[in-house]
C-alpha atoms as a PDB file:
ATOM      1  CA  MET A   1     103.088 100.482 142.432  1.00  0.00           C
ATOM      2  CA  ASP A   2     106.604 101.053 143.586  1.00  0.00           C
ATOM      3  CA  SER A   3     108.648  99.171 141.035  1.00  0.00           C
ATOM      4  CA  PRO A   4     111.650 100.038 138.900  1.00  0.00           C
ATOM      5  CA  TYR A   5     109.441  99.130 135.889  1.00  0.00           C
ATOM      6  CA  ASN A   6     106.867 101.833 136.884  1.00  0.00           C
ATOM      7  CA  THR A   7     107.729 104.508 134.279  1.00  0.00           C
ATOM      8  CA  TYR A   8     105.135 106.821 135.704  1.00  0.00           C
ATOM      9  CA  ARG A   9     107.250 107.059 138.913  1.00  0.00           C
ATOM     10  CA  TYR A  10     110.775 106.568 137.470  1.00  0.00           C
ATOM     11  CA  ALA A  11     112.031 108.342 134.374  1.00  0.00           C
ATOM     12  CA  GLY A  12     113.704 106.524 131.610  1.00  0.00           C
ATOM     13  CA  LEU A  13     113.735 102.870 130.634  1.00  0.00           C
ATOM     14  CA  PRO A  14     113.834 100.086 133.213  1.00  0.00           C
ATOM     15  CA  ARG A  15     117.076  98.300 133.825  1.00  0.00           C
ATOM     16  CA  GLY A  16     115.924  94.996 132.415  1.00  0.00           C
ATOM     17  CA  PRO A  17     113.577  93.620 129.713  1.00  0.00           C
ATOM     18  CA  ILE A  18     110.052  95.104 129.643  1.00  0.00           C
ATOM     19  CA  CYS A  19     108.364  92.265 127.657  1.00  0.00           C
ATOM     20  CA  ASN A  20     108.936  88.804 126.298  1.00  0.00           C
ATOM     21  CA  PRO A  21     107.682  88.096 122.732  1.00  0.00           C
ATOM     22  CA  GLY A  22     105.568  85.015 122.180  1.00  0.00           C
ATOM     23  CA  LEU A  23     106.462  82.227 119.756  1.00  0.00           C
ATOM     24  CA  ASP A  24     103.986  83.592 117.091  1.00  0.00           C
ATOM     25  CA  SER A  25     105.793  86.977 117.204  1.00  0.00           C
ATOM     26  CA  ILE A  26     109.226  85.403 116.784  1.00  0.00           C
ATOM     27  CA  ARG A  27     107.980  83.218 113.851  1.00  0.00           C
ATOM     28  CA  ALA A  28     106.472  86.342 112.183  1.00  0.00           C
ATOM     29  CA  VAL A  29     109.843  88.106 112.320  1.00  0.00           C
ATOM     30  CA  ILE A  30     111.773  85.073 111.057  1.00  0.00           C
ATOM     31  CA  ARG A  31     109.249  84.339 108.256  1.00  0.00           C
ATOM     32  CA  PRO A  32     107.323  87.504 107.432  1.00  0.00           C
ATOM     33  CA  GLU A  33     104.222  87.339 105.339  1.00  0.00           C
ATOM     34  CA  GLN A  34     104.919  88.173 101.680  1.00  0.00           C
ATOM     35  CA  THR A  35     102.612  91.075 100.718  1.00  0.00           C
ATOM     36  CA  ASP A  36     102.509  94.258  98.679  1.00  0.00           C
ATOM     37  CA  TYR A  37     100.814  96.151 101.516  1.00  0.00           C
ATOM     38  CA  LEU A  38     102.778  99.269 102.592  1.00  0.00           C
ATOM     39  CA  TYR A  39     100.222 101.104 104.696  1.00  0.00           C
ATOM     40  CA  PHE A  40      97.651 100.333 107.324  1.00  0.00           C
ATOM     41  CA  VAL A  41      94.923 102.149 109.252  1.00  0.00           C
ATOM     42  CA  ALA A  42      93.726 101.047 112.693  1.00  0.00           C
ATOM     43  CA  ARG A  43      89.917 101.126 112.902  1.00  0.00           C
ATOM     44  CA  ALA A  44      88.000 102.018 116.078  1.00  0.00           C
ATOM     45  CA  ASP A  45      87.018  98.331 116.566  1.00  0.00           C
ATOM     46  CA  GLY A  46      90.689  97.214 116.753  1.00  0.00           C
ATOM     47  CA  SER A  47      90.851  95.783 113.271  1.00  0.00           C
ATOM     48  CA  HIS A  48      93.038  97.168 110.513  1.00  0.00           C
ATOM     49  CA  VAL A  49      92.626  98.125 106.827  1.00  0.00           C
ATOM     50  CA  PHE A  50      95.646  97.644 104.630  1.00  0.00           C
ATOM     51  CA  ALA A  51      96.583  99.442 101.361  1.00  0.00           C
ATOM     52  CA  GLU A  52      99.183  98.956  98.661  1.00  0.00           C
ATOM     53  CA  THR A  53      99.308 102.589  97.417  1.00  0.00           C
ATOM     54  CA  LEU A  54      99.380 105.953  99.091  1.00  0.00           C
ATOM     55  CA  GLU A  55      96.130 106.917  97.300  1.00  0.00           C
ATOM     56  CA  GLU A  56      94.414 103.905  98.761  1.00  0.00           C
ATOM     57  CA  HIS A  57      95.834 104.714 102.190  1.00  0.00           C
ATOM     58  CA  VAL A  58      94.595 108.321 102.080  1.00  0.00           C
ATOM     59  CA  ARG A  59      91.067 107.055 101.176  1.00  0.00           C
ATOM     60  CA  ASN A  60      91.230 104.561 104.076  1.00  0.00           C
ATOM     61  CA  VAL A  61      92.315 107.262 106.510  1.00  0.00           C
ATOM     62  CA  GLU A  62      89.384 109.496 105.325  1.00  0.00           C
ATOM     63  CA  GLN A  63      86.990 106.598 105.574  1.00  0.00           C
ATOM     64  CA  TYR A  64      88.082 105.040 108.826  1.00  0.00           C
ATOM     65  CA  GLY A  65      89.697 108.005 110.613  1.00  0.00           C
ATOM     66  CA  GLY A  66      93.227 106.706 111.159  1.00  0.00           C
ATOM     67  CA  ARG A  67      94.194 106.124 114.740  1.00  0.00           C
END
């Protein structure tokens, strides 16, 4: 498609916004969930596994094959 937003055709960032966050995203930034999780691994099915320590995270990467 010939559009200034087509970054396959035109190098660099487009001249205007490329997305518009939804209300849930804005709320999540304003009031983030309180948690001790520092790491996450994306699983093949699109879900995520969270870990509080680096050791847990390394095990999760080994088990779920971090993506």
